[in-house]
Amino acid sequence: MWESLLTAGEHGSEGGVILRDETYRDQSRITLEDCGGHCAITCGIYGAFVHTAYCGKTDGMQQYTEMKTELQRFLQTDTTADEEIAFYESFAARY
C-alpha cells in the first residue's frame, strides 16, 4: 500500500511545488510537482533506480498514477537482475 508523505506544498527536487509524494513499503518513492508550465514526476526504487519525467499540467495526475501502478507491479514481482535492468530501461524510455 502506498503511503502519503507530509510534503505537499513544499519545494521538490525539480524546483516545483509538491502536489503528491508517496512511498511504497520502504522500497520506492514517487513525487508529483507543479513546476509552473509543466509537471515533474520523480520516482525511484531505493538503491537501484531514479527517474524524472516531465509532462503537461493536464496530464500530470494521470501519468503519476500510471507510473505508480507500474512501479508497484514491478516491486511485487520476483525478477532476475537482467529483468530488473530491462524494466528500468523500458520504464525510462516510456516516461
N, C-alpha and C. Protein backbone atom coordinates (compact mmCIF):
# COMPACT_ATOMS: atom_id res chain seq x y z
N MET A 1 0.84 -1.18 0.00
CA MET A 1 0.00 0.00 0.00
C MET A 1 0.89 1.24 0.00
N TRP A 2 0.58 2.19 -0.86
CA TRP A 2 1.29 3.45 -0.91
C TRP A 2 0.90 4.31 0.28
N GLU A 3 1.87 5.00 0.85
CA GLU A 3 1.63 5.89 1.98
C GLU A 3 2.01 7.31 1.59
N SER A 4 1.14 8.25 1.89
CA SER A 4 1.41 9.65 1.59
C SER A 4 2.40 10.24 2.58
N LEU A 5 3.29 11.07 2.07
CA LEU A 5 4.22 11.81 2.92
C LEU A 5 3.66 13.21 3.13
N LEU A 6 4.06 13.85 4.18
CA LEU A 6 3.52 15.16 4.53
C LEU A 6 4.39 16.27 3.94
N THR A 7 4.58 16.24 2.62
CA THR A 7 5.44 17.21 1.97
C THR A 7 4.69 18.12 0.99
N ALA A 8 3.39 17.92 0.83
CA ALA A 8 2.61 18.74 -0.10
C ALA A 8 2.78 20.21 0.25
N GLY A 9 3.01 21.02 -0.79
CA GLY A 9 3.21 22.44 -0.60
C GLY A 9 4.68 22.84 -0.47
N GLU A 10 5.55 21.88 -0.19
CA GLU A 10 6.98 22.17 -0.11
C GLU A 10 7.57 22.18 -1.51
N HIS A 11 8.80 22.66 -1.62
CA HIS A 11 9.50 22.66 -2.91
C HIS A 11 10.17 21.31 -3.11
N GLY A 12 10.05 20.78 -4.34
CA GLY A 12 10.61 19.48 -4.66
C GLY A 12 11.97 19.58 -5.33
N SER A 13 12.49 18.44 -5.70
CA SER A 13 13.83 18.36 -6.29
C SER A 13 13.93 19.03 -7.65
N GLU A 14 12.79 19.21 -8.33
CA GLU A 14 12.79 19.86 -9.65
C GLU A 14 12.40 21.33 -9.57
N GLY A 15 12.33 21.88 -8.35
CA GLY A 15 12.06 23.30 -8.16
C GLY A 15 10.59 23.67 -8.16
N GLY A 16 9.72 22.69 -8.27
CA GLY A 16 8.29 22.96 -8.25
C GLY A 16 7.69 22.76 -6.87
N VAL A 17 6.39 22.92 -6.79
CA VAL A 17 5.66 22.73 -5.55
C VAL A 17 5.10 21.30 -5.54
N ILE A 18 5.37 20.58 -4.48
CA ILE A 18 4.94 19.19 -4.38
C ILE A 18 3.42 19.12 -4.24
N LEU A 19 2.81 18.34 -5.13
CA LEU A 19 1.37 18.09 -5.07
C LEU A 19 1.07 16.75 -4.42
N ARG A 20 1.85 15.73 -4.77
CA ARG A 20 1.69 14.38 -4.20
C ARG A 20 3.08 13.82 -3.96
N ASP A 21 3.23 13.04 -2.90
CA ASP A 21 4.51 12.43 -2.56
C ASP A 21 4.20 11.17 -1.75
N GLU A 22 4.57 10.01 -2.31
CA GLU A 22 4.20 8.75 -1.68
C GLU A 22 5.36 7.76 -1.68
N THR A 23 5.34 6.86 -0.69
CA THR A 23 6.31 5.78 -0.63
C THR A 23 5.56 4.45 -0.64
N TYR A 24 6.28 3.42 -1.08
CA TYR A 24 5.70 2.08 -1.14
C TYR A 24 6.62 1.12 -0.39
N ARG A 25 6.15 0.63 0.74
CA ARG A 25 6.84 -0.39 1.53
C ARG A 25 8.32 -0.11 1.75
N ASP A 26 8.69 1.11 1.93
CA ASP A 26 10.09 1.49 2.10
C ASP A 26 10.98 0.96 0.98
N GLN A 27 10.38 0.80 -0.21
CA GLN A 27 11.12 0.32 -1.38
C GLN A 27 11.16 1.34 -2.50
N SER A 28 10.18 2.23 -2.54
CA SER A 28 10.04 3.12 -3.68
C SER A 28 9.40 4.44 -3.23
N ARG A 29 9.66 5.48 -4.03
CA ARG A 29 9.05 6.78 -3.76
C ARG A 29 8.70 7.42 -5.09
N ILE A 30 7.59 8.17 -5.10
CA ILE A 30 7.18 8.90 -6.29
C ILE A 30 6.62 10.25 -5.86
N THR A 31 7.02 11.30 -6.58
CA THR A 31 6.65 12.66 -6.23
C THR A 31 6.15 13.40 -7.47
N LEU A 32 5.03 14.09 -7.34
CA LEU A 32 4.47 14.91 -8.40
C LEU A 32 4.63 16.37 -8.01
N GLU A 33 5.25 17.16 -8.92
CA GLU A 33 5.46 18.58 -8.66
C GLU A 33 4.80 19.43 -9.74
N ASP A 34 4.25 20.54 -9.32
CA ASP A 34 3.76 21.58 -10.23
C ASP A 34 4.92 22.54 -10.44
N CYS A 35 5.43 22.58 -11.66
CA CYS A 35 6.60 23.41 -11.98
C CYS A 35 6.21 24.63 -12.81
N GLY A 36 5.03 25.12 -12.62
CA GLY A 36 4.57 26.29 -13.37
C GLY A 36 3.88 25.86 -14.65
N GLY A 37 4.60 25.83 -15.75
CA GLY A 37 4.02 25.47 -17.04
C GLY A 37 3.95 23.99 -17.31
N HIS A 38 4.53 23.19 -16.43
CA HIS A 38 4.53 21.73 -16.62
C HIS A 38 4.59 21.03 -15.25
N CYS A 39 4.50 19.71 -15.29
CA CYS A 39 4.65 18.89 -14.09
C CYS A 39 5.91 18.06 -14.20
N ALA A 40 6.51 17.75 -13.07
CA ALA A 40 7.65 16.84 -12.99
C ALA A 40 7.25 15.70 -12.07
N ILE A 41 7.58 14.48 -12.49
CA ILE A 41 7.31 13.30 -11.68
C ILE A 41 8.65 12.60 -11.46
N THR A 42 9.09 12.58 -10.22
CA THR A 42 10.35 11.93 -9.88
C THR A 42 10.02 10.67 -9.09
N CYS A 43 10.62 9.56 -9.53
CA CYS A 43 10.35 8.30 -8.85
C CYS A 43 11.63 7.49 -8.74
N GLY A 44 11.62 6.55 -7.86
CA GLY A 44 12.79 5.71 -7.72
C GLY A 44 12.49 4.45 -6.95
N ILE A 45 13.39 3.51 -7.13
CA ILE A 45 13.41 2.29 -6.34
C ILE A 45 14.71 2.38 -5.55
N TYR A 46 14.58 2.41 -4.25
CA TYR A 46 15.72 2.68 -3.38
C TYR A 46 16.91 1.78 -3.70
N GLY A 47 18.06 2.41 -3.87
CA GLY A 47 19.29 1.69 -4.10
C GLY A 47 19.49 1.17 -5.51
N ALA A 48 18.56 1.49 -6.43
CA ALA A 48 18.67 0.89 -7.75
C ALA A 48 18.36 1.83 -8.91
N PHE A 49 17.40 2.73 -8.76
CA PHE A 49 16.88 3.43 -9.94
C PHE A 49 16.23 4.74 -9.51
N VAL A 50 16.51 5.81 -10.26
CA VAL A 50 15.83 7.10 -10.08
C VAL A 50 15.55 7.66 -11.47
N HIS A 51 14.36 8.21 -11.64
CA HIS A 51 13.97 8.75 -12.94
C HIS A 51 13.03 9.93 -12.74
N THR A 52 13.19 10.97 -13.58
CA THR A 52 12.28 12.10 -13.58
C THR A 52 11.67 12.24 -14.96
N ALA A 53 10.35 12.35 -14.99
CA ALA A 53 9.61 12.53 -16.24
C ALA A 53 8.90 13.88 -16.18
N TYR A 54 8.72 14.49 -17.35
CA TYR A 54 8.05 15.79 -17.44
C TYR A 54 6.82 15.64 -18.33
N CYS A 55 5.77 16.34 -17.98
CA CYS A 55 4.55 16.28 -18.79
C CYS A 55 3.76 17.57 -18.59
N GLY A 56 2.73 17.74 -19.41
CA GLY A 56 1.85 18.89 -19.29
C GLY A 56 1.06 18.82 -18.00
N LYS A 57 0.61 19.97 -17.54
CA LYS A 57 -0.15 20.03 -16.29
C LYS A 57 -1.44 19.22 -16.36
N THR A 58 -2.06 19.16 -17.54
CA THR A 58 -3.32 18.41 -17.65
C THR A 58 -3.10 16.91 -17.60
N ASP A 59 -1.89 16.45 -17.91
CA ASP A 59 -1.59 15.01 -17.92
C ASP A 59 -0.89 14.53 -16.65
N GLY A 60 -0.50 15.44 -15.78
CA GLY A 60 0.33 15.11 -14.62
C GLY A 60 -0.22 14.03 -13.73
N MET A 61 -1.46 14.17 -13.31
CA MET A 61 -2.02 13.18 -12.37
C MET A 61 -2.19 11.82 -13.01
N GLN A 62 -2.61 11.80 -14.27
CA GLN A 62 -2.78 10.52 -14.96
C GLN A 62 -1.44 9.80 -15.12
N GLN A 63 -0.41 10.53 -15.53
CA GLN A 63 0.90 9.92 -15.71
C GLN A 63 1.47 9.47 -14.37
N TYR A 64 1.27 10.26 -13.33
CA TYR A 64 1.71 9.91 -11.98
C TYR A 64 1.09 8.58 -11.56
N THR A 65 -0.21 8.43 -11.77
CA THR A 65 -0.92 7.21 -11.41
C THR A 65 -0.41 6.01 -12.21
N GLU A 66 -0.20 6.19 -13.51
CA GLU A 66 0.31 5.10 -14.34
C GLU A 66 1.70 4.66 -13.89
N MET A 67 2.55 5.62 -13.61
CA MET A 67 3.91 5.29 -13.17
C MET A 67 3.89 4.57 -11.83
N LYS A 68 3.07 5.04 -10.93
CA LYS A 68 2.95 4.43 -9.61
C LYS A 68 2.47 2.99 -9.72
N THR A 69 1.50 2.74 -10.58
CA THR A 69 0.97 1.40 -10.79
C THR A 69 2.06 0.47 -11.33
N GLU A 70 2.83 0.95 -12.32
CA GLU A 70 3.90 0.13 -12.89
C GLU A 70 4.98 -0.18 -11.86
N LEU A 71 5.35 0.80 -11.07
CA LEU A 71 6.36 0.57 -10.03
C LEU A 71 5.89 -0.47 -9.02
N GLN A 72 4.64 -0.36 -8.60
CA GLN A 72 4.11 -1.31 -7.64
C GLN A 72 4.07 -2.72 -8.22
N ARG A 73 3.61 -2.86 -9.43
CA ARG A 73 3.55 -4.17 -10.09
C ARG A 73 4.95 -4.79 -10.16
N PHE A 74 5.94 -3.97 -10.54
CA PHE A 74 7.31 -4.46 -10.62
C PHE A 74 7.81 -4.92 -9.25
N LEU A 75 7.56 -4.14 -8.22
CA LEU A 75 8.05 -4.48 -6.88
C LEU A 75 7.38 -5.72 -6.31
N GLN A 76 6.22 -6.06 -6.80
CA GLN A 76 5.51 -7.25 -6.32
C GLN A 76 5.88 -8.51 -7.10
N THR A 77 6.78 -8.38 -8.08
CA THR A 77 7.16 -9.49 -8.94
C THR A 77 8.59 -9.91 -8.66
N ASP A 78 8.82 -11.21 -8.54
CA ASP A 78 10.19 -11.71 -8.42
C ASP A 78 10.88 -11.57 -9.77
N THR A 79 12.06 -10.97 -9.76
CA THR A 79 12.77 -10.73 -11.00
C THR A 79 14.24 -11.08 -10.86
N THR A 80 14.86 -11.38 -11.97
CA THR A 80 16.30 -11.58 -12.01
C THR A 80 16.96 -10.21 -12.20
N ALA A 81 18.26 -10.17 -12.05
CA ALA A 81 18.99 -8.92 -12.26
C ALA A 81 18.80 -8.40 -13.68
N ASP A 82 18.81 -9.30 -14.65
CA ASP A 82 18.61 -8.89 -16.04
C ASP A 82 17.20 -8.34 -16.27
N GLU A 83 16.20 -8.94 -15.64
CA GLU A 83 14.83 -8.46 -15.76
C GLU A 83 14.67 -7.09 -15.11
N GLU A 84 15.37 -6.87 -14.01
CA GLU A 84 15.32 -5.56 -13.36
C GLU A 84 15.89 -4.49 -14.28
N ILE A 85 17.03 -4.75 -14.86
CA ILE A 85 17.65 -3.79 -15.78
C ILE A 85 16.73 -3.51 -16.96
N ALA A 86 16.12 -4.56 -17.50
CA ALA A 86 15.19 -4.39 -18.63
C ALA A 86 14.01 -3.52 -18.22
N PHE A 87 13.49 -3.71 -17.01
CA PHE A 87 12.38 -2.89 -16.53
C PHE A 87 12.80 -1.43 -16.44
N TYR A 88 13.95 -1.15 -15.81
CA TYR A 88 14.41 0.23 -15.66
C TYR A 88 14.57 0.91 -17.01
N GLU A 89 15.16 0.21 -17.96
CA GLU A 89 15.37 0.79 -19.29
C GLU A 89 14.03 1.05 -20.00
N SER A 90 13.13 0.09 -19.90
CA SER A 90 11.83 0.22 -20.55
C SER A 90 11.00 1.35 -19.91
N PHE A 91 11.01 1.40 -18.60
CA PHE A 91 10.27 2.42 -17.85
C PHE A 91 10.77 3.81 -18.21
N ALA A 92 12.08 3.99 -18.20
CA ALA A 92 12.67 5.30 -18.52
C ALA A 92 12.40 5.70 -19.96
N ALA A 93 12.39 4.74 -20.86
CA ALA A 93 12.11 5.05 -22.28
C ALA A 93 10.65 5.45 -22.48
N ARG A 94 9.75 4.82 -21.71
CA ARG A 94 8.32 5.10 -21.85
C ARG A 94 7.96 6.45 -21.24
N TYR A 95 8.63 6.80 -20.18
CA TYR A 95 8.32 8.06 -19.48
C TYR A 95 9.49 9.02 -19.57
